[in-house]
C-alpha atoms as a PDB file:
ATOM      1  CA  MET A   1      30.608  46.363  91.793  1.00  0.00           C
ATOM      2  CA  SER A   2      28.581  48.879  89.851  1.00  0.00           C
ATOM      3  CA  ASP A   3      25.047  48.927  89.084  1.00  0.00           C
ATOM      4  CA  CYS A   4      25.571  48.090  85.401  1.00  0.00           C
ATOM      5  CA  ASP A   5      27.505  45.209  86.239  1.00  0.00           C
ATOM      6  CA  ASN A   6      24.672  43.720  88.366  1.00  0.00           C
ATOM      7  CA  VAL A   7      22.216  44.311  85.773  1.00  0.00           C
ATOM      8  CA  TYR A   8      24.596  42.824  82.954  1.00  0.00           C
ATOM      9  CA  LYS A   9      24.611  39.620  85.637  1.00  0.00           C
ATOM     10  CA  LEU A  10      20.956  39.471  86.053  1.00  0.00           C
ATOM     11  CA  TYR A  11      20.625  39.801  82.257  1.00  0.00           C
ATOM     12  CA  THR A  12      22.748  37.100  81.672  1.00  0.00           C
ATOM     13  CA  LYS A  13      21.292  34.847  84.158  1.00  0.00           C
ATOM     14  CA  SER A  14      17.963  35.382  82.855  1.00  0.00           C
ATOM     15  CA  ILE A  15      19.185  34.680  79.507  1.00  0.00           C
ATOM     16  CA  ILE A  16      20.569  31.366  80.897  1.00  0.00           C
ATOM     17  CA  ALA A  17      17.465  30.580  82.623  1.00  0.00           C
ATOM     18  CA  SER A  18      15.096  31.049  79.595  1.00  0.00           C
ATOM     19  CA  ILE A  19      17.335  29.029  77.551  1.00  0.00           C
ATOM     20  CA  ALA A  20      17.088  26.249  80.183  1.00  0.00           C
ATOM     21  CA  VAL A  21      13.345  26.433  80.191  1.00  0.00           C
ATOM     22  CA  PHE A  22      13.397  26.708  76.496  1.00  0.00           C
ATOM     23  CA  SER A  23      15.238  23.335  76.278  1.00  0.00           C
ATOM     24  CA  ALA A  24      13.307  21.460  79.068  1.00  0.00           C
ATOM     25  CA  VAL A  25      10.079  22.660  77.306  1.00  0.00           C
ATOM     26  CA  SER A  26      11.487  21.226  73.899  1.00  0.00           C
ATOM     27  CA  VAL A  27      12.693  17.936  75.203  1.00  0.00           C
ATOM     28  CA  ALA A  28       9.561  17.421  76.932  1.00  0.00           C
ATOM     29  CA  SER A  29       7.509  18.345  73.846  1.00  0.00           C
ATOM     30  CA  TYR A  30       9.203  16.144  71.615  1.00  0.00           C
ATOM     31  CA  THR A  31       9.163  13.043  73.949  1.00  0.00           C
ATOM     32  CA  TYR A  32       5.344  13.665  74.308  1.00  0.00           C
ATOM     33  CA  TYR A  33       5.239  13.629  70.354  1.00  0.00           C
ATOM     34  CA  LEU A  34       7.207  10.907  69.991  1.00  0.00           C
ATOM     35  CA  SER A  35       4.911   8.963  72.423  1.00  0.00           C
ATOM     36  CA  VAL A  36       1.903  10.023  70.628  1.00  0.00           C
ATOM     37  CA  VAL A  37       2.407  10.432  67.060  1.00  0.00           C
ATOM     38  CA  PRO A  38       2.882   7.040  65.170  1.00  0.00           C
ATOM     39  CA  GLN A  39       6.434   6.072  63.813  1.00  0.00           C
ATOM     40  CA  THR A  40       5.514   3.286  61.588  1.00  0.00           C
ATOM     41  CA  TYR A  41       2.902   2.361  59.200  1.00  0.00           C
ATOM     42  CA  ASP A  42       1.508  -0.211  61.976  1.00  0.00           C
ATOM     43  CA  GLU A  43       1.268   2.047  64.723  1.00  0.00           C
ATOM     44  CA  CYS A  44      -0.460   4.585  62.386  1.00  0.00           C
ATOM     45  CA  VAL A  45      -3.235   2.012  61.402  1.00  0.00           C
ATOM     46  CA  ILE A  46      -3.419   0.775  65.172  1.00  0.00           C
ATOM     47  CA  GLN A  47      -3.876   4.370  66.493  1.00  0.00           C
ATOM     48  CA  SER A  48      -6.242   5.935  63.814  1.00  0.00           C
ATOM     49  CA  VAL A  49      -8.775   2.742  63.317  1.00  0.00           C
ATOM     50  CA  PRO A  50      -9.687   1.238  66.448  1.00  0.00           C
ATOM     51  CA  ASN A  51     -13.178   0.146  66.462  1.00  0.00           C
ATOM     52  CA  MET A  52     -14.284   2.184  63.469  1.00  0.00           C
ATOM     53  CA  ASN A  53     -17.481   0.656  61.795  1.00  0.00           C
ATOM     54  CA  ASP A  54     -17.431   2.975  58.739  1.00  0.00           C
ATOM     55  CA  LYS A  55     -15.461   0.725  56.327  1.00  0.00           C
ATOM     56  CA  ALA A  56     -14.931   3.937  53.724  1.00  0.00           C
ATOM     57  CA  LEU A  57     -13.544   6.035  56.513  1.00  0.00           C
ATOM     58  CA  ALA A  58     -11.097   3.348  57.440  1.00  0.00           C
ATOM     59  CA  LYS A  59     -10.041   2.866  54.011  1.00  0.00           C
ATOM     60  CA  VAL A  60      -9.149   6.646  53.593  1.00  0.00           C
ATOM     61  CA  VAL A  61      -7.489   6.433  57.149  1.00  0.00           C
ATOM     62  CA  ILE A  62      -5.349   3.241  55.970  1.00  0.00           C
ATOM     63  CA  ASP A  63      -4.529   5.006  52.704  1.00  0.00           C
ATOM     64  CA  SER A  64      -3.384   8.007  54.381  1.00  0.00           C
ATOM     65  CA  CYS A  65      -1.136   6.057  56.916  1.00  0.00           C
ATOM     66  CA  LEU A  66       0.268   4.242  53.558  1.00  0.00           C
ATOM     67  CA  ASN A  67       0.823   7.551  51.957  1.00  0.00           C
ATOM     68  CA  LYS A  68       2.697   8.819  55.147  1.00  0.00           C
ATOM     69  CA  PHE A  69       5.053   5.841  55.758  1.00  0.00           C
ATOM     70  CA  SER A  70       5.521   4.791  51.867  1.00  0.00           C
ATOM     71  CA  GLN A  71       8.569   6.852  51.958  1.00  0.00           C
ATOM     72  CA  ASN A  72      10.314   4.554  54.499  1.00  0.00           C
ATOM     73  CA  ALA A  73       9.928   1.547  52.322  1.00  0.00           C
ATOM     74  CA  ILE A  74      12.959  -0.003  50.593  1.00  0.00           C
ATOM     75  CA  GLN A  75      12.966  -1.224  47.281  1.00  0.00           C
ATOM     76  CA  LEU A  76      12.542  -5.161  47.588  1.00  0.00           C
ATOM     77  CA  LEU A  77      14.747  -7.806  46.356  1.00  0.00           C
ATOM     78  CA  PRO A  78      13.824 -10.310  43.703  1.00  0.00           C
ATOM     79  CA  ASN A  79      13.849 -12.988  46.346  1.00  0.00           C
ATOM     80  CA  ASP A  80      11.288 -10.944  48.622  1.00  0.00           C
ATOM     81  CA  ILE A  81       8.718 -10.531  45.978  1.00  0.00           C
ATOM     82  CA  SER A  82       8.829 -14.133  44.491  1.00  0.00           C
ATOM     83  CA  GLY A  83       5.270 -14.808  45.321  1.00  0.00           C
ATOM     84  CA  LEU A  84       3.975 -11.563  44.071  1.00  0.00           C
ATOM     85  CA  THR A  85       1.755 -12.212  41.087  1.00  0.00           C
ATOM     86  CA  GLY A  86      -1.401 -10.699  39.334  1.00  0.00           C
ATOM     87  CA  PHE A  87      -3.369 -10.482  36.511  1.00  0.00           C
ATOM     88  CA  GLY A  88      -4.397  -7.351  34.477  1.00  0.00           C
ATOM     89  CA  SER A  89      -5.057  -5.558  31.282  1.00  0.00           C
ATOM     90  CA  ALA A  90      -5.492  -2.272  29.680  1.00  0.00           C
ATOM     91  CA  LYS A  91      -9.017  -1.086  28.547  1.00  0.00           C
ATOM     92  CA  LYS A  92     -10.604   2.170  27.562  1.00  0.00           C
ATOM     93  CA  SER A  93     -11.827   4.462  29.907  1.00  0.00           C
ATOM     94  CA  ALA A  94     -15.299   6.271  29.441  1.00  0.00           C
ATOM     95  CA  TYR A  95     -13.609   9.307  28.165  1.00  0.00           C
ATOM     96  CA  SER A  96     -11.545   7.534  25.571  1.00  0.00           C
ATOM     97  CA  ASP A  97     -11.418   5.725  22.116  1.00  0.00           C
ATOM     98  CA  LYS A  98      -8.115   4.200  23.019  1.00  0.00           C
ATOM     99  CA  ASN A  99      -7.054   2.066  25.867  1.00  0.00           C
ATOM    100  CA  ASP A 100      -5.954   4.580  28.816  1.00  0.00           C
ATOM    101  CA  GLU A 101      -6.488   2.807  32.122  1.00  0.00           C
ATOM    102  CA  PHE A 102      -4.835  -0.099  33.392  1.00  0.00           C
ATOM    103  CA  SER A 103      -6.669  -2.513  36.055  1.00  0.00           C
ATOM    104  CA  ALA A 104      -4.924  -5.491  37.726  1.00  0.00           C
ATOM    105  CA  GLU A 105      -5.255  -7.836  40.757  1.00  0.00           C
ATOM    106  CA  LEU A 106      -2.060  -7.968  42.757  1.00  0.00           C
ATOM    107  CA  TYR A 107      -1.489 -11.030  45.231  1.00  0.00           C
ATOM    108  CA  ASN A 108       1.057 -10.971  47.619  1.00  0.00           C
ATOM    109  CA  GLY A 109       2.329 -14.929  48.103  1.00  0.00           C
ATOM    110  CA  ASN A 110       5.530 -13.484  50.359  1.00  0.00           C
ATOM    111  CA  GLU A 111       5.213 -14.753  53.907  1.00  0.00           C
ATOM    112  CA  ASN A 112       7.293 -12.185  55.513  1.00  0.00           C
ATOM    113  CA  THR A 113       7.171  -9.220  52.952  1.00  0.00           C
ATOM    114  CA  TYR A 114       4.817  -6.081  53.349  1.00  0.00           C
ATOM    115  CA  ILE A 115       4.376  -4.302  49.968  1.00  0.00           C
ATOM    116  CA  ASN A 116       3.397  -0.601  49.849  1.00  0.00           C
ATOM    117  CA  ARG A 117       4.306   0.522  46.617  1.00  0.00           C
ATOM    118  CA  VAL A 118       4.624  -1.129  43.106  1.00  0.00           C
ATOM    119  CA  VAL A 119       5.971   0.030  39.883  1.00  0.00           C
ATOM    120  CA  ILE A 120       4.274  -1.660  36.850  1.00  0.00           C
ATOM    121  CA  GLY A 121       5.453  -1.238  33.162  1.00  0.00           C
ATOM    122  CA  VAL A 122       2.512  -1.111  30.671  1.00  0.00           C
ATOM    123  CA  GLY A 123       2.981  -0.844  26.892  1.00  0.00           C
ATOM    124  CA  SER A 124       4.081  -2.866  24.217  1.00  0.00           C
ATOM    125  CA  SER A 125       7.170  -4.932  24.251  1.00  0.00           C
ATOM    126  CA  THR A 126       9.031  -2.360  22.349  1.00  0.00           C
ATOM    127  CA  ASP A 127       7.941   0.741  24.599  1.00  0.00           C
ATOM    128  CA  ILE A 128       7.009   0.204  28.107  1.00  0.00           C
ATOM    129  CA  LYS A 129       6.148   3.002  30.594  1.00  0.00           C
ATOM    130  CA  ASN A 130       6.381   2.603  34.367  1.00  0.00           C
ATOM    131  CA  TYR A 131       3.832   3.722  36.666  1.00  0.00           C
ATOM    132  CA  SER A 132       4.109   3.869  40.496  1.00  0.00           C
ATOM    133  CA  VAL A 133       0.993   2.685  42.426  1.00  0.00           C
ATOM    134  CA  ASN A 134       0.496   2.811  46.519  1.00  0.00           C
ATOM    135  CA  VAL A 135      -1.049  -0.235  47.771  1.00  0.00           C
ATOM    136  CA  ASN A 136      -1.741  -2.118  51.188  1.00  0.00           C
ATOM    137  CA  LEU A 137      -0.528  -5.625  50.263  1.00  0.00           C
ATOM    138  CA  PRO A 138       0.467  -7.706  53.566  1.00  0.00           C
ATOM    139  CA  PRO A 139       1.611 -11.174  53.024  1.00  0.00           C
ATOM    140  CA  TYR A 140      -1.100 -13.503  51.521  1.00  0.00           C
ATOM    141  CA  SER A 141      -3.280 -10.955  50.708  1.00  0.00           C
ATOM    142  CA  LYS A 142      -4.858  -9.231  47.228  1.00  0.00           C
ATOM    143  CA  THR A 143      -5.520  -5.837  46.206  1.00  0.00           C
ATOM    144  CA  TYR A 144      -6.941  -4.198  43.260  1.00  0.00           C
ATOM    145  CA  VAL A 145      -5.559  -1.331  41.274  1.00  0.00           C
ATOM    146  CA  THR A 146      -6.671   1.103  38.503  1.00  0.00           C
ATOM    147  CA  PHE A 147      -4.738   3.793  37.371  1.00  0.00           C
ATOM    148  CA  HIS A 148      -4.813   5.886  33.983  1.00  0.00           C
ATOM    149  CA  ILE A 149      -2.224   5.347  31.519  1.00  0.00           C
ATOM    150  CA  LEU A 150      -0.932   6.862  28.265  1.00  0.00           C
ATOM    151  CA  PRO A 151      -3.112   5.659  25.484  1.00  0.00           C
ATOM    152  CA  VAL A 152      -2.067   2.329  23.761  1.00  0.00           C
ATOM    153  CA  SER A 153      -3.593   1.166  20.513  1.00  0.00           C
ATOM    154  CA  ASP A 154      -6.751  -1.095  20.316  1.00  0.00           C
ATOM    155  CA  THR A 155      -4.859  -3.938  18.870  1.00  0.00           C
ATOM    156  CA  ASP A 156      -2.168  -3.614  21.827  1.00  0.00           C
ATOM    157  CA  LYS A 157      -3.989  -4.758  24.919  1.00  0.00           C
ATOM    158  CA  GLY A 158      -1.156  -3.479  27.229  1.00  0.00           C
ATOM    159  CA  GLU A 159       1.519  -5.837  27.859  1.00  0.00           C
ATOM    160  CA  TRP A 160       2.445  -5.335  31.621  1.00  0.00           C
ATOM    161  CA  VAL A 161       5.127  -6.234  34.225  1.00  0.00           C
ATOM    162  CA  ILE A 162       5.912  -5.690  37.875  1.00  0.00           C
ATOM    163  CA  ALA A 163       9.088  -3.674  37.408  1.00  0.00           C
ATOM    164  CA  LYS A 164       9.772  -3.107  41.133  1.00  0.00           C
ATOM    165  CA  ALA A 165       8.242  -3.142  44.572  1.00  0.00           C
ATOM    166  CA  PHE A 166       8.882  -1.337  47.547  1.00  0.00           C
ATOM    167  CA  GLY A 167       7.991  -2.047  51.351  1.00  0.00           C
ATOM    168  CA  SER A 168       9.399  -4.183  54.127  1.00  0.00           C
ATOM    169  CA  VAL A 169      10.513  -7.590  55.296  1.00  0.00           C
ATOM    170  CA  LYS A 170       9.771  -8.976  58.456  1.00  0.00           C
ATOM    171  CA  ASN A 171      12.350 -10.977  60.201  1.00  0.00           C
ATOM    172  CA  LYS A 172      11.291 -14.818  60.206  1.00  0.00           C
ATOM    173  CA  GLN A 173      10.632 -15.924  63.746  1.00  0.00           C
END
């Protein structure tokens, strides 16, 4: 066997050993990542807001978790959101002479439905525009939303409807 063959075998073994070490480190890193990084909205909140006394900071963390996991939400069926109610209206913001802001109080009266995004249609009976709003609405809770809308006239107070809702439904025990 020549020196060249020995060098080639040594080189091949070192490459195989490097790949094996890299694979082991990658698997270990990914396993650690899965054990530390939250995989659900609930895990995100539980890990991020333990014993937090600052309500403003807690709200920021909760909103951050909501934004992170709202992509995993499914569109809820009408039966799943039958208890989703609310009241709201369009109004003038400080910077406009037309109704260009919408505020509403939403209540989730559903037992097993967690809602993290709603699509609210606002406008007139002939021209409704949809607005997507992130919310944190567990069962039997309420929240307030305010968002800017395309201006509607003073005579049109902004009819509105909950067009869609996204979230998850927990199995009944």
